[in-house]
Amino acid sequence: MSPSSPPHRFQDPRSTEYDYLASVLVRCPGCEKVAHVGTAPDPAGAHDQDPFARRRLVCRSCGTAKERDRGGPALHRDRYEPATDPYFGVPLWLQTETRHGWVWAYNLEHLDLIGRFVRAPLREGIPWHDHGRKMTVVARLPAWMQQAGNRDEVLRAIARIHASLLGP
């Protein structure tokens, strides 16, 4: 970045965890390879973004397929435990442990949002008086991920997560 260029600025897009549940990458319970959880086809025409829609877990490596048609998602909250899929309870594929806790994401779009936030030296949150400001993905990131002193560690963790998609 040259001295005359403006600083890299991040503005909270106001997305919540629910915005990233349409497609979730998980560790297959059958073969331990990457699998996908998405909205199952619905004859009633439920919308893909509906967190209460039927879900299907599919693994292209071993053929594992499961469906879930009841209940809403159980979102992950424990920073000291590996994150799990909110529908089937299987471990997420996009996660790694750091000395402060786990860095995880439901899909690449979610991981990209976290990476852009961590990378940015100038971060604009939602005004304190705005409705729902504490419910966004960025606002709910653990304090250790928001600290500039941990930026390099979090970015290394994100790089490890990206490398896990390339395989050994």
Protein backbone atom coordinates (compact mmCIF):
# COMPACT_ATOMS: atom_id res chain seq x y z
CA MET A 1 0.00 0.00 0.00
CA SER A 2 1.50 3.32 -1.02
CA PRO A 3 1.50 6.31 1.37
CA SER A 4 -0.98 8.19 -0.83
CA SER A 5 -3.55 5.36 -1.10
CA PRO A 6 -6.46 5.40 1.33
CA PRO A 7 -6.40 2.84 4.15
CA HIS A 8 -8.20 -0.45 3.59
CA ARG A 9 -11.62 0.07 5.14
CA PHE A 10 -14.06 -2.63 6.22
CA GLN A 11 -17.74 -1.83 6.62
CA ASP A 12 -19.96 -4.35 8.38
CA PRO A 13 -22.36 -5.74 5.74
CA ARG A 14 -24.87 -6.50 8.52
CA SER A 15 -24.99 -10.20 7.71
CA THR A 16 -25.84 -12.75 10.40
CA GLU A 17 -24.86 -16.41 10.76
CA TYR A 18 -28.23 -17.33 9.26
CA ASP A 19 -27.13 -15.70 5.98
CA TYR A 20 -24.43 -18.39 5.57
CA LEU A 21 -26.49 -21.52 6.29
CA ALA A 22 -27.71 -22.20 2.72
CA SER A 23 -24.47 -24.07 2.00
CA VAL A 24 -22.24 -25.54 4.73
CA LEU A 25 -19.03 -27.56 4.24
CA VAL A 26 -18.66 -30.37 6.77
CA ARG A 27 -16.51 -33.42 7.54
CA CYS A 28 -18.36 -36.48 6.23
CA PRO A 29 -19.41 -38.80 9.08
CA GLY A 30 -18.75 -41.78 6.77
CA CYS A 31 -15.34 -41.14 5.22
CA GLU A 32 -13.99 -37.98 6.93
CA LYS A 33 -13.69 -36.13 3.59
CA VAL A 34 -15.41 -32.87 2.70
CA ALA A 35 -19.21 -33.08 2.39
CA HIS A 36 -21.93 -30.52 1.79
CA VAL A 37 -25.04 -29.59 3.75
CA GLY A 38 -27.60 -27.66 1.77
CA THR A 39 -31.30 -27.13 1.36
CA ALA A 40 -33.07 -30.32 0.29
CA PRO A 41 -35.44 -30.13 -2.68
CA ASP A 42 -38.86 -29.19 -1.38
CA PRO A 43 -42.05 -29.76 -3.34
CA ALA A 44 -43.67 -26.92 -1.39
CA GLY A 45 -41.01 -24.57 -2.78
CA ALA A 46 -39.30 -23.49 0.45
CA HIS A 47 -36.70 -20.78 -0.08
CA ASP A 48 -32.98 -21.70 0.07
CA GLN A 49 -32.31 -19.00 2.65
CA ASP A 50 -34.95 -20.33 5.06
CA PRO A 51 -33.01 -21.65 8.10
CA PHE A 52 -35.95 -23.96 8.93
CA ALA A 53 -36.12 -25.60 5.48
CA ARG A 54 -35.34 -29.31 5.06
CA ARG A 55 -31.60 -30.02 4.88
CA ARG A 56 -29.57 -32.68 3.13
CA LEU A 57 -26.00 -33.80 3.88
CA VAL A 58 -24.28 -35.26 0.79
CA CYS A 59 -20.76 -36.65 0.40
CA ARG A 60 -19.52 -37.13 -3.16
CA SER A 61 -16.59 -39.26 -1.98
CA CYS A 62 -18.44 -42.10 -0.26
CA GLY A 63 -22.08 -41.48 -1.20
CA THR A 64 -23.30 -40.73 2.31
CA ALA A 65 -26.65 -38.93 2.21
CA LYS A 66 -28.82 -37.86 5.13
CA GLU A 67 -31.89 -35.65 5.39
CA ARG A 68 -33.29 -33.60 8.22
CA ASP A 69 -36.74 -32.10 7.94
CA ARG A 70 -37.55 -30.80 11.40
CA GLY A 71 -36.35 -28.03 13.66
CA GLY A 72 -34.16 -25.04 13.24
CA PRO A 73 -30.40 -24.72 13.41
CA ALA A 74 -28.39 -25.04 16.62
CA LEU A 75 -25.70 -22.38 16.18
CA HIS A 76 -22.18 -22.93 17.55
CA ARG A 77 -21.23 -20.87 20.61
CA ASP A 78 -18.22 -22.45 22.39
CA ARG A 79 -14.89 -20.98 21.27
CA TYR A 80 -12.94 -23.77 22.99
CA GLU A 81 -14.64 -26.60 21.10
CA PRO A 82 -14.56 -27.48 17.41
CA ALA A 83 -17.54 -26.02 15.55
CA THR A 84 -20.26 -28.30 14.23
CA ASP A 85 -22.88 -28.06 11.54
CA PRO A 86 -26.06 -26.50 12.96
CA TYR A 87 -28.33 -29.19 11.45
CA PHE A 88 -26.56 -32.56 11.69
CA GLY A 89 -24.02 -31.85 14.43
CA VAL A 90 -21.04 -33.03 12.35
CA PRO A 91 -17.76 -31.09 12.45
CA LEU A 92 -17.33 -28.20 10.05
CA TRP A 93 -14.64 -28.61 7.38
CA LEU A 94 -13.54 -24.97 7.47
CA GLN A 95 -11.99 -24.71 10.92
CA THR A 96 -8.70 -24.80 12.74
CA GLU A 97 -7.54 -24.29 16.30
CA THR A 98 -5.34 -21.43 17.49
CA ARG A 99 -3.90 -20.72 20.93
CA HIS A 100 -6.86 -18.40 21.63
CA GLY A 101 -9.68 -20.57 20.31
CA TRP A 102 -11.14 -21.91 17.09
CA VAL A 103 -11.41 -20.04 13.80
CA TRP A 104 -14.29 -21.50 11.78
CA ALA A 105 -16.70 -20.71 8.97
CA TYR A 106 -19.73 -22.38 7.41
CA ASN A 107 -18.58 -21.78 3.83
CA LEU A 108 -16.01 -19.83 1.79
CA GLU A 109 -18.16 -16.71 1.66
CA HIS A 110 -18.33 -16.69 5.49
CA LEU A 111 -14.55 -17.28 5.72
CA ASP A 112 -13.93 -14.46 3.25
CA LEU A 113 -15.97 -12.04 5.37
CA ILE A 114 -13.94 -12.93 8.47
CA GLY A 115 -10.69 -12.57 6.52
CA ARG A 116 -11.63 -9.15 5.11
CA PHE A 117 -12.56 -7.95 8.61
CA VAL A 118 -9.35 -9.20 10.23
CA ARG A 119 -7.13 -7.86 7.41
CA ALA A 120 -8.60 -4.35 7.50
CA PRO A 121 -6.74 -1.76 9.57
CA LEU A 122 -9.83 0.45 9.59
CA ARG A 123 -13.07 -1.26 10.65
CA GLU A 124 -16.41 0.47 10.64
CA GLY A 125 -19.07 -1.11 12.79
CA ILE A 126 -22.74 -0.37 12.91
CA PRO A 127 -23.67 2.75 14.93
CA TRP A 128 -24.43 2.03 18.59
CA HIS A 129 -28.02 3.25 18.22
CA ASP A 130 -28.81 1.03 15.22
CA HIS A 131 -31.17 -1.92 15.67
CA GLY A 132 -29.50 -5.36 15.54
CA ARG A 133 -25.92 -4.10 15.65
CA LYS A 134 -24.85 -6.81 18.12
CA MET A 135 -26.27 -9.63 16.01
CA THR A 136 -24.03 -9.41 12.93
CA VAL A 137 -21.32 -11.97 12.20
CA VAL A 138 -18.61 -9.35 12.63
CA ALA A 139 -20.02 -7.97 15.89
CA ARG A 140 -20.20 -11.50 17.32
CA LEU A 141 -16.60 -12.46 16.53
CA PRO A 142 -14.64 -13.22 19.71
CA ALA A 143 -12.70 -10.28 21.14
CA TRP A 144 -9.36 -12.02 20.51
CA MET A 145 -10.14 -12.15 16.76
CA GLN A 146 -10.93 -8.43 16.75
CA GLN A 147 -7.63 -7.39 18.34
CA ALA A 148 -4.99 -6.06 15.95
CA GLY A 149 -2.29 -7.91 17.91
CA ASN A 150 -3.79 -11.24 16.86
CA ARG A 151 -4.26 -10.29 13.20
CA ASP A 152 -1.32 -12.37 11.90
CA GLU A 153 -2.34 -15.45 13.86
CA VAL A 154 -5.93 -15.29 12.63
CA LEU A 155 -4.81 -14.75 9.02
CA ARG A 156 -2.45 -17.75 9.29
CA ALA A 157 -5.37 -19.81 10.59
CA ILE A 158 -7.52 -18.70 7.64
CA ALA A 159 -4.69 -19.68 5.27
CA ARG A 160 -4.55 -23.16 6.89
CA ILE A 161 -8.31 -23.49 6.41
CA HIS A 162 -7.98 -22.58 2.72
CA ALA A 163 -5.15 -25.10 2.35
CA SER A 164 -7.41 -27.84 3.80
CA LEU A 165 -9.59 -27.54 0.71
CA LEU A 166 -6.67 -28.28 -1.59
CA GLY A 167 -6.00 -31.58 0.17
CA PRO A 168 -2.71 -33.33 0.92
